[in-house]
């Protein structure tokens, strides 16, 4: 929905303002504002959406209930700019109706019609409160997102609590109110570039397939919503984009490296998270997850036990078997026909070497999901378009290039094991980074890449549920 601003008065004075002194009007409008903001005022609940009286009262209490957005009996320059901002909320992936924009436009038209001063004062007070409520909610949603409006964002954890009333009040004192208010948005490049791309996208010719275009518009909006939930507060970081199957190394807003990735399958998705890369291990040993050991390796062991003379699955794949106490076992001594996925008191490790599933390097980062970033011996997967093929961990195409960047001047001290060293079973070697870097995994089904807006398949099927929450009519403003 695009709203017209032709009803917003310009710089000219209304007819009522010429007959009544501004100094006489302000106290009367102020008194009416106080009445409107009384606790449990019935009128506020009848608005669509309902007015948050507590937050609006907090805003006006600090300014002694004086009008903020009007002078005399018409909106002032800041009020007109604020209303234009709310009417253009779609440029930020939000809906103007969620911030009273249609009602405010109707009020501005009503205020400027020839009528009694008393009626105009009442309408002006209502305009003040609705505009304030709309701005407070708009700022909150820009900062935290609509569905997480009461959850502190990563920016708040980094910079301190966010109070919409304080933010809007501070913006009122700034030379450019709109610019000051919009600074509550996430500042990292992925969000900023996508929001600006949405503005350009909405101004392009609509074309013949309006339904498909609207869905892409919503796709941008819901991606902006996700970024507000999980904004990146760091200036330098490594970012994994699950939907794009890529990883970028960002330094002060500039992409220094881009890597293709293999991510988790839809039935074993890689989780979104934030952590830090603090070290990596060259020639790692792989501790096979219990789920993989029981669902993928155990069937081979059972089959192998039927024909023990033909081949040894564990030995051929450089695996070793251990009991619950960490003692190495001879797999031939185990009666595999009696072992089940629910009764598997063993652990399996893959020794370091060129055939190791982790490749020759692994980057670990603290997380509760036991996922990590590693190399791989199956490099052909990186040529595929759909690379959601893994168990949840991340496989990177050029791990040593990443390691070299993370080490900086110390990179000459690290090298991949040679083929001969692989055959000789190299020992794991862990290198600690002198300058740890933030590591973020996010799910964004559209992004700006090299200046171009790109859309990605919703490989994990998460967009539709979010689309219904944000755009289904019956859910309007249930997230306040």
Protein backbone atom coordinates (compact mmCIF):
# COMPACT_ATOMS: atom_id res chain seq x y z
CA UNK A 1 0.00 0.00 0.00
CA UNK A 2 1.37 3.38 -1.04
CA UNK A 3 -0.02 6.38 0.81
CA UNK A 4 -0.34 9.85 -0.66
CA UNK A 5 0.96 12.81 1.33
CA UNK A 6 -0.99 15.45 -0.52
CA UNK A 7 -3.19 15.88 2.57
CA UNK A 8 -0.26 16.96 4.72
CA UNK A 9 -0.27 20.76 5.05
CA UNK A 10 2.64 22.67 3.65
CA UNK A 11 4.47 25.58 5.16
CA UNK A 12 1.51 27.94 4.80
CA UNK A 13 -0.50 28.77 7.93
CA UNK A 14 -3.96 27.31 8.28
CA UNK A 15 -6.90 29.65 8.55
CA UNK A 16 -7.40 28.79 12.21
CA UNK A 17 -3.82 29.61 13.15
CA UNK A 18 -4.20 33.16 11.91
CA UNK A 19 -7.09 33.85 14.27
CA UNK A 20 -5.79 32.16 17.41
CA UNK A 21 -2.40 32.85 18.94
CA UNK A 22 -0.06 29.88 18.93
CA UNK A 23 0.82 30.54 22.58
CA UNK A 24 -2.85 30.10 23.48
CA UNK A 25 -3.29 26.90 21.49
CA UNK A 26 -0.34 24.87 22.83
CA UNK A 27 -1.54 24.66 26.48
CA UNK A 28 -5.02 23.59 25.36
CA UNK A 29 -3.65 20.90 23.04
CA UNK A 30 -1.32 19.83 25.85
CA UNK A 31 -4.26 19.40 28.22
CA UNK A 32 -6.08 17.28 25.65
CA UNK A 33 -2.97 15.13 25.16
CA UNK A 34 -2.94 14.42 28.91
CA UNK A 35 -6.58 13.34 28.76
CA UNK A 36 -5.92 11.03 25.82
CA UNK A 37 -3.00 9.42 27.66
CA UNK A 38 -4.83 8.59 30.86
CA UNK A 39 -4.22 4.96 31.90
CA UNK A 40 -6.68 2.51 30.34
CA UNK A 41 -8.18 5.19 28.10
CA UNK A 42 -10.80 3.35 26.06
CA UNK A 43 -10.16 5.23 22.81
CA UNK A 44 -6.62 3.85 22.56
CA UNK A 45 -7.82 0.25 22.46
CA UNK A 46 -10.25 1.05 19.67
CA UNK A 47 -7.46 2.19 17.37
CA UNK A 48 -6.12 -0.20 14.76
CA UNK A 49 -3.49 -0.89 15.92
CA UNK A 50 -4.05 -0.10 19.59
CA UNK A 51 -2.03 2.75 21.07
CA UNK A 52 0.62 1.89 23.66
CA UNK A 53 -0.42 4.48 26.24
CA UNK A 54 2.47 3.74 28.59
CA UNK A 55 5.20 4.41 26.03
CA UNK A 56 3.46 7.49 24.62
CA UNK A 57 2.92 8.88 28.13
CA UNK A 58 6.59 8.27 28.89
CA UNK A 59 7.51 10.34 25.83
CA UNK A 60 5.19 13.26 26.66
CA UNK A 61 5.91 13.29 30.40
CA UNK A 62 9.52 14.19 29.68
CA UNK A 63 8.36 17.17 27.62
CA UNK A 64 5.56 18.20 30.03
CA UNK A 65 2.94 17.08 27.50
CA UNK A 66 3.82 19.90 25.10
CA UNK A 67 3.03 19.18 21.44
CA UNK A 68 6.00 17.75 19.58
CA UNK A 69 4.77 17.54 16.00
CA UNK A 70 2.60 20.60 15.58
CA UNK A 71 2.73 24.35 15.87
CA UNK A 72 -0.55 26.13 16.29
CA UNK A 73 -3.18 23.91 14.75
CA UNK A 74 -1.20 22.21 12.01
CA UNK A 75 1.76 19.84 11.73
CA UNK A 76 5.15 21.54 11.85
CA UNK A 77 8.05 20.68 9.54
CA UNK A 78 9.25 17.85 11.78
CA UNK A 79 5.72 16.48 12.06
CA UNK A 80 5.33 16.47 8.29
CA UNK A 81 8.69 14.75 7.87
CA UNK A 82 7.78 12.18 10.52
CA UNK A 83 4.44 11.43 8.87
CA UNK A 84 6.10 11.09 5.46
CA UNK A 85 8.53 8.60 7.01
CA UNK A 86 5.70 6.44 8.39
CA UNK A 87 3.74 6.69 5.14
CA UNK A 88 6.85 5.36 3.37
CA UNK A 89 7.39 2.48 5.82
CA UNK A 90 7.36 -0.01 2.94
CA UNK A 91 10.83 1.25 2.01
CA UNK A 92 11.96 -0.51 5.20
CA UNK A 93 9.93 -3.67 4.69
CA UNK A 94 7.22 -2.47 7.10
CA UNK A 95 3.55 -1.59 6.62
CA UNK A 96 2.34 2.03 7.01
CA UNK A 97 -0.95 0.89 8.53
CA UNK A 98 0.96 -0.59 11.47
CA UNK A 99 2.00 2.95 12.43
CA UNK A 100 -1.35 4.77 12.01
CA UNK A 101 -0.30 6.38 8.71
CA UNK A 102 -3.78 6.22 7.07
CA UNK A 103 -5.44 7.64 10.21
CA UNK A 104 -2.81 10.37 10.50
CA UNK A 105 -3.28 11.44 6.89
CA UNK A 106 -7.02 11.65 7.47
CA UNK A 107 -6.45 13.72 10.63
CA UNK A 108 -4.24 16.24 8.84
CA UNK A 109 -7.01 16.75 6.30
CA UNK A 110 -9.58 17.14 9.08
CA UNK A 111 -7.44 19.62 11.02
CA UNK A 112 -7.08 22.03 8.10
CA UNK A 113 -10.79 22.15 7.25
CA UNK A 114 -12.72 25.23 8.38
CA UNK A 115 -14.29 24.23 11.69
CA UNK A 116 -14.35 25.24 15.34
CA UNK A 117 -11.05 25.78 17.12
CA UNK A 118 -12.15 23.41 19.89
CA UNK A 119 -12.68 20.61 17.38
CA UNK A 120 -9.34 21.34 15.74
CA UNK A 121 -7.57 21.23 19.11
CA UNK A 122 -9.10 17.83 19.82
CA UNK A 123 -8.03 16.53 16.42
CA UNK A 124 -4.56 18.01 16.85
CA UNK A 125 -4.11 16.25 20.20
CA UNK A 126 -5.16 12.97 18.63
CA UNK A 127 -2.74 13.59 15.74
CA UNK A 128 0.06 14.18 18.26
CA UNK A 129 -0.56 10.97 20.20
CA UNK A 130 -1.05 8.77 17.14
CA UNK A 131 2.08 10.11 15.45
CA UNK A 132 4.09 9.62 18.63
CA UNK A 133 2.83 6.05 19.05
CA UNK A 134 3.54 5.30 15.40
CA UNK A 135 7.09 6.64 15.64
CA UNK A 136 7.82 4.77 18.87
CA UNK A 137 6.68 1.49 17.36
CA UNK A 138 8.45 2.21 14.07
CA UNK A 139 11.74 2.85 15.88
CA UNK A 140 11.31 -0.29 17.96
CA UNK A 141 10.62 -2.43 14.90
CA UNK A 142 13.57 -0.97 13.00
CA UNK A 143 15.79 -1.82 15.92
CA UNK A 144 14.48 -5.21 17.04
CA UNK A 145 12.16 -6.42 14.32
CA UNK A 146 8.39 -6.76 14.51
CA UNK A 147 8.18 -10.28 15.92
CA UNK A 148 10.96 -9.74 18.46
CA UNK A 149 9.86 -6.26 19.52
CA UNK A 150 10.35 -7.05 23.21
CA UNK A 151 13.64 -8.92 22.84
CA UNK A 152 16.89 -6.91 23.16
CA UNK A 153 18.74 -6.97 19.85
CA UNK A 154 22.44 -7.78 19.44
CA UNK A 155 23.03 -4.04 19.08
CA UNK A 156 21.55 -3.47 22.53
CA UNK A 157 23.76 -6.15 24.01
CA UNK A 158 26.75 -4.36 22.48
CA UNK A 159 25.68 -0.74 23.04
CA UNK A 160 23.22 -0.76 25.94
CA UNK A 161 19.41 -0.77 26.35
CA UNK A 162 17.19 0.79 23.71
CA UNK A 163 14.38 3.08 24.89
CA UNK A 164 12.19 4.18 21.95
CA UNK A 165 10.92 7.27 23.83
CA UNK A 166 14.46 8.42 24.58
CA UNK A 167 15.56 7.70 21.00
CA UNK A 168 12.70 9.65 19.40
CA UNK A 169 13.17 12.53 21.87
CA UNK A 170 16.87 12.70 21.01
CA UNK A 171 16.08 12.63 17.30
CA UNK A 172 13.78 15.64 17.83
CA UNK A 173 16.78 17.64 18.99
CA UNK A 174 18.88 16.69 15.96
CA UNK A 175 19.20 18.95 12.88
CA UNK A 176 17.74 16.16 10.71
CA UNK A 177 15.03 14.30 12.61
CA UNK A 178 14.51 11.52 10.05
CA UNK A 179 18.22 10.75 9.66
CA UNK A 180 18.67 10.69 13.43
CA UNK A 181 15.73 8.35 13.98
CA UNK A 182 16.85 5.96 11.23
CA UNK A 183 20.21 5.50 12.93
CA UNK A 184 18.50 3.00 15.22
CA UNK A 185 18.64 0.47 12.36
CA UNK A 186 21.36 -2.18 12.08
CA UNK A 187 24.44 -0.57 10.58
CA UNK A 188 26.23 -3.55 9.08
CA UNK A 189 26.62 -3.68 5.30
CA UNK A 190 24.31 -6.64 4.67
CA UNK A 191 21.30 -4.89 6.20
CA UNK A 192 22.07 -1.42 4.87
CA UNK A 193 22.65 -2.58 1.30
CA UNK A 194 19.50 -4.71 1.29
CA UNK A 195 17.33 -1.89 2.66
CA UNK A 196 18.61 0.48 -0.03
CA UNK A 197 18.03 -2.22 -2.65
CA UNK A 198 14.41 -2.50 -1.48
CA UNK A 199 13.93 1.23 -2.14
CA UNK A 200 15.24 0.82 -5.70
CA UNK A 201 13.26 -2.39 -6.22
CA UNK A 202 9.98 -0.74 -5.25
CA UNK A 203 10.56 2.07 -7.75
CA UNK A 204 11.20 -0.21 -10.71
CA UNK A 205 8.44 -0.83 -13.29
CA UNK A 206 6.05 -3.45 -11.94
CA UNK A 207 6.00 -5.71 -15.03
CA UNK A 208 3.32 -8.24 -15.93
CA UNK A 209 3.74 -10.75 -13.08
CA UNK A 210 2.68 -8.64 -10.12
CA UNK A 211 2.16 -11.67 -7.85
CA UNK A 212 5.72 -12.93 -8.28
CA UNK A 213 7.08 -9.43 -7.81
CA UNK A 214 5.08 -8.95 -4.62
CA UNK A 215 6.44 -12.21 -3.21
CA UNK A 216 9.98 -11.04 -3.89
CA UNK A 217 9.19 -7.72 -2.21
CA UNK A 218 7.99 -9.68 0.82
CA UNK A 219 11.12 -11.85 0.62
CA UNK A 220 13.28 -8.73 0.98
CA UNK A 221 11.12 -7.49 3.86
CA UNK A 222 11.28 -10.72 5.82
CA UNK A 223 15.05 -10.90 5.29
CA UNK A 224 15.36 -7.40 6.75
CA UNK A 225 13.26 -8.63 9.68
CA UNK A 226 15.71 -11.48 10.29
CA UNK A 227 18.66 -9.10 10.16
CA UNK A 228 17.04 -6.97 12.86
CA UNK A 229 16.79 -10.02 15.10
CA UNK A 230 20.41 -10.93 14.51
CA UNK A 231 22.18 -7.69 13.61
CA UNK A 232 25.97 -7.83 13.41
CA UNK A 233 27.56 -5.38 15.85
CA UNK A 234 31.15 -6.05 14.74
CA UNK A 235 33.18 -4.06 12.20
CA UNK A 236 35.23 -7.09 11.14
CA UNK A 237 33.78 -10.59 10.94
CA UNK A 238 33.35 -13.82 9.03
CA UNK A 239 29.79 -14.28 7.76
CA UNK A 240 28.26 -17.56 6.60
CA UNK A 241 25.14 -17.19 4.44
CA UNK A 242 23.33 -20.52 4.57
CA UNK A 243 20.85 -19.84 1.75
CA UNK A 244 23.62 -18.60 -0.58
CA UNK A 245 26.02 -21.41 0.47
CA UNK A 246 28.81 -18.85 0.81
CA UNK A 247 31.13 -17.35 3.40
CA UNK A 248 32.52 -13.81 3.35
CA UNK A 249 35.36 -12.27 5.30
CA UNK A 250 34.43 -8.65 6.01
CA UNK A 251 36.80 -5.98 7.29
CA UNK A 252 35.37 -2.55 8.09
CA UNK A 253 32.56 -2.91 5.57
CA UNK A 254 34.70 -4.36 2.76
CA UNK A 255 34.57 -7.97 1.61
CA UNK A 256 38.12 -9.31 1.63
CA UNK A 257 37.38 -12.94 0.72
CA UNK A 258 34.45 -14.98 -0.57
CA UNK A 259 34.32 -18.77 -0.23
CA UNK A 260 31.90 -21.37 -1.54
CA UNK A 261 30.54 -23.68 1.16
CA UNK A 262 28.74 -26.96 1.61
CA UNK A 263 26.11 -26.48 4.33
CA UNK A 264 23.72 -28.81 6.15
CA UNK A 265 20.95 -30.63 4.33
CA UNK A 266 17.32 -29.55 4.90
CA UNK A 267 16.86 -32.56 7.22
CA UNK A 268 20.08 -31.70 9.08
CA UNK A 269 20.31 -27.90 8.80
CA UNK A 270 23.27 -25.84 9.90
CA UNK A 271 22.14 -23.68 12.84
CA UNK A 272 22.30 -19.90 12.87
CA UNK A 273 24.59 -18.58 15.59
CA UNK A 274 27.22 -16.04 16.60
CA UNK A 275 30.61 -17.00 17.97
CA UNK A 276 34.30 -16.25 17.50
CA UNK A 277 37.08 -17.97 15.58
CA UNK A 278 39.94 -18.30 18.04
CA UNK A 279 42.02 -21.17 16.63
CA UNK A 280 42.24 -23.87 14.01
CA UNK A 281 43.80 -27.31 13.83
CA UNK A 282 45.95 -28.61 10.99
CA UNK A 283 45.82 -32.39 10.35
CA UNK A 284 42.82 -32.88 12.66
CA UNK A 285 41.47 -36.10 14.07
CA UNK A 286 37.74 -36.55 13.48
CA UNK A 287 35.58 -37.69 16.36
CA UNK A 288 32.64 -39.15 14.48
CA UNK A 289 29.31 -37.89 15.89
CA UNK A 290 27.23 -40.61 17.53
CA UNK A 291 24.38 -40.10 15.07
CA UNK A 292 26.66 -40.65 12.08
CA UNK A 293 28.36 -43.62 13.73
CA UNK A 294 25.06 -45.39 14.36
CA UNK A 295 23.14 -44.49 11.19
CA UNK A 296 25.90 -44.55 8.56
CA UNK A 297 28.87 -46.57 9.83
CA UNK A 298 27.15 -49.26 11.92
CA UNK A 299 25.35 -50.81 8.89
CA UNK A 300 28.74 -51.24 7.18
CA UNK A 301 30.18 -52.85 10.31
CA UNK A 302 27.29 -55.30 10.49
CA UNK A 303 27.73 -56.18 6.82
CA UNK A 304 31.50 -56.39 7.25
CA UNK A 305 31.05 -58.88 10.10
CA UNK A 306 29.26 -61.29 7.75
CA UNK A 307 32.28 -61.46 5.43
CA UNK A 308 35.30 -60.66 7.63
CA UNK A 309 37.89 -61.94 5.19
CA UNK A 310 36.91 -59.65 2.32
CA UNK A 311 37.62 -56.19 3.71
CA UNK A 312 37.89 -54.14 6.88
CA UNK A 313 35.68 -51.05 6.60
CA UNK A 314 37.21 -49.21 9.58
CA UNK A 315 40.82 -49.84 8.56
CA UNK A 316 40.21 -48.97 4.93
CA UNK A 317 38.78 -45.58 5.96
CA UNK A 318 41.42 -44.86 8.59
CA UNK A 319 38.95 -45.23 11.48
CA UNK A 320 39.69 -46.50 14.99
CA UNK A 321 37.19 -47.94 17.47
CA UNK A 322 37.13 -47.06 21.18
CA UNK A 323 35.10 -48.22 24.15
CA UNK A 324 33.27 -45.97 26.62
CA UNK A 325 36.48 -45.50 28.63
CA UNK A 326 38.49 -44.39 25.60
CA UNK A 327 40.39 -47.66 25.15
CA UNK A 328 41.15 -48.67 21.59
CA UNK A 329 39.42 -51.88 20.48
CA UNK A 330 39.86 -54.43 17.75
CA UNK A 331 36.56 -54.25 15.83
CA UNK A 332 36.81 -57.95 15.00
CA UNK A 333 36.27 -58.79 18.66
CA UNK A 334 32.87 -57.06 18.71
CA UNK A 335 29.74 -59.11 18.00
CA UNK A 336 28.24 -56.55 15.67
CA UNK A 337 25.08 -58.56 15.04
CA UNK A 338 24.02 -57.72 18.62
CA UNK A 339 24.85 -54.00 18.41
CA UNK A 340 22.06 -51.53 17.63
CA UNK A 341 21.77 -47.77 17.31
CA UNK A 342 20.25 -47.65 20.80
CA UNK A 343 22.91 -49.98 22.19
CA UNK A 344 26.16 -48.55 20.81
CA UNK A 345 28.65 -48.08 23.69
CA UNK A 346 31.51 -47.10 21.38
CA UNK A 347 33.11 -44.08 19.78
CA UNK A 348 34.79 -43.90 16.40
CA UNK A 349 37.63 -41.61 15.41
CA UNK A 350 39.18 -41.01 12.02
CA UNK A 351 42.92 -40.53 12.15
CA UNK A 352 44.64 -37.49 10.59
CA UNK A 353 45.61 -37.81 6.96
CA UNK A 354 44.72 -36.83 3.41
CA UNK A 355 41.57 -38.98 3.39
CA UNK A 356 40.20 -37.53 6.62
CA UNK A 357 36.60 -36.34 6.32
CA UNK A 358 37.62 -33.00 7.85
CA UNK A 359 40.34 -32.57 5.25
CA UNK A 360 43.57 -31.15 6.57
CA UNK A 361 42.23 -28.26 8.61
CA UNK A 362 39.33 -27.52 10.95
CA UNK A 363 38.17 -24.21 12.40
CA UNK A 364 36.38 -24.65 15.72
CA UNK A 365 34.17 -22.05 17.36
CA UNK A 366 32.24 -22.22 20.61
CA UNK A 367 28.62 -23.32 20.07
CA UNK A 368 26.10 -25.68 21.66
CA UNK A 369 25.48 -27.62 18.43
CA UNK A 370 28.91 -29.25 17.96
CA UNK A 371 29.23 -27.80 14.46
CA UNK A 372 32.44 -26.49 12.95
CA UNK A 373 34.04 -25.31 9.72
CA UNK A 374 36.45 -27.63 7.95
CA UNK A 375 38.13 -28.61 4.72
CA UNK A 376 37.06 -31.64 2.68
CA UNK A 377 38.49 -34.17 0.29
CA UNK A 378 35.27 -34.07 -1.80
CA UNK A 379 36.00 -30.85 -3.71
CA UNK A 380 33.65 -31.62 -6.62
CA UNK A 381 30.67 -30.63 -4.44
CA UNK A 382 31.69 -26.99 -4.70
CA UNK A 383 30.79 -26.96 -8.40
CA UNK A 384 27.15 -27.72 -7.61
CA UNK A 385 24.50 -25.00 -7.39
CA UNK A 386 22.70 -26.64 -4.48
CA UNK A 387 25.33 -27.33 -1.85
CA UNK A 388 23.03 -28.11 1.09
CA UNK A 389 24.53 -31.59 1.31
CA UNK A 390 26.12 -31.98 4.74
CA UNK A 391 25.17 -33.17 8.21
CA UNK A 392 25.21 -29.64 9.68
CA UNK A 393 28.88 -28.73 9.75
CA UNK A 394 30.36 -26.39 7.14
CA UNK A 395 32.83 -27.44 4.45
CA UNK A 396 34.88 -24.69 2.88
CA UNK A 397 36.49 -24.66 -0.53
CA UNK A 398 39.74 -22.82 0.23
CA UNK A 399 40.48 -23.32 3.93
CA UNK A 400 44.14 -22.38 3.85
CA UNK A 401 43.34 -19.06 2.19
CA UNK A 402 41.07 -18.31 5.13
CA UNK A 403 43.70 -19.49 7.61
CA UNK A 404 46.32 -17.30 5.97
CA UNK A 405 44.06 -14.24 6.25
CA UNK A 406 43.23 -14.93 9.89
CA UNK A 407 46.90 -15.32 10.77
CA UNK A 408 47.96 -12.14 9.00
CA UNK A 409 51.74 -11.67 9.22
CA UNK A 410 52.05 -15.04 10.98
CA UNK A 411 50.69 -16.97 7.99
CA UNK A 412 54.11 -18.12 6.79
CA UNK A 413 54.39 -20.40 9.82
CA UNK A 414 51.45 -22.59 8.72
CA UNK A 415 51.31 -25.02 5.81
CA UNK A 416 49.20 -27.97 4.78
CA UNK A 417 50.78 -31.37 5.31
CA UNK A 418 52.33 -32.72 2.13
CA UNK A 419 51.19 -35.98 0.51
CA UNK A 420 54.15 -37.74 2.11
CA UNK A 421 53.24 -36.33 5.51
CA UNK A 422 49.66 -37.51 5.01
CA UNK A 423 50.86 -41.04 4.36
CA UNK A 424 53.00 -40.85 7.49
CA UNK A 425 49.94 -40.06 9.65
CA UNK A 426 50.70 -36.46 10.71
CA UNK A 427 49.96 -35.33 14.23
CA UNK A 428 47.29 -32.68 14.83
CA UNK A 429 48.66 -29.18 15.35
CA UNK A 430 46.51 -26.37 16.80
CA UNK A 431 47.29 -22.72 16.02
CA UNK A 432 45.80 -20.02 18.25
CA UNK A 433 44.89 -16.74 16.58
CA UNK A 434 46.47 -13.64 18.05
CA UNK A 435 43.51 -11.66 16.73
CA UNK A 436 40.29 -13.68 17.12
CA UNK A 437 37.47 -12.64 14.80
CA UNK A 438 33.67 -12.65 15.13
CA UNK A 439 31.98 -15.54 13.32
CA UNK A 440 28.30 -15.35 12.33
CA UNK A 441 26.02 -17.88 10.62
CA UNK A 442 22.83 -16.37 9.20
CA UNK A 443 19.90 -17.39 7.00
CA UNK A 444 19.07 -14.75 4.38
CA UNK A 445 17.28 -15.70 1.16
CA UNK A 446 18.21 -12.47 -0.61
CA UNK A 447 21.25 -10.23 -0.53
CA UNK A 448 23.14 -7.58 -2.46
CA UNK A 449 26.22 -9.11 -4.10
CA UNK A 450 28.60 -6.84 -6.00
CA UNK A 451 25.84 -4.24 -6.25
CA UNK A 452 23.25 -6.70 -7.62
CA UNK A 453 20.15 -7.85 -5.73
CA UNK A 454 20.11 -11.66 -5.66
CA UNK A 455 17.38 -14.05 -4.51
CA UNK A 456 18.16 -17.56 -3.24
CA UNK A 457 16.00 -20.68 -2.84
CA UNK A 458 14.48 -21.10 0.60
CA UNK A 459 16.45 -24.31 1.09
CA UNK A 460 15.36 -24.77 4.72
CA UNK A 461 11.74 -23.80 4.09
CA UNK A 462 11.67 -21.01 6.66
CA UNK A 463 10.33 -18.09 4.64
CA UNK A 464 6.70 -19.13 4.30
CA UNK A 465 5.93 -19.28 8.02
CA UNK A 466 7.57 -15.89 8.54
CA UNK A 467 5.71 -14.50 5.52
CA UNK A 468 2.39 -15.53 7.07
CA UNK A 469 3.29 -13.91 10.39
CA UNK A 470 4.31 -10.62 8.79
CA UNK A 471 1.82 -10.25 5.96
CA UNK A 472 -1.34 -12.25 6.72
CA UNK A 473 -4.12 -9.70 7.46
CA UNK A 474 -5.38 -11.47 10.57
CA UNK A 475 -1.98 -11.19 12.26
CA UNK A 476 -1.71 -7.43 11.87
CA UNK A 477 0.03 -5.94 14.89
CA UNK A 478 -0.25 -9.00 17.11
CA UNK A 479 3.48 -8.58 17.64
CA UNK A 480 3.25 -5.25 19.48
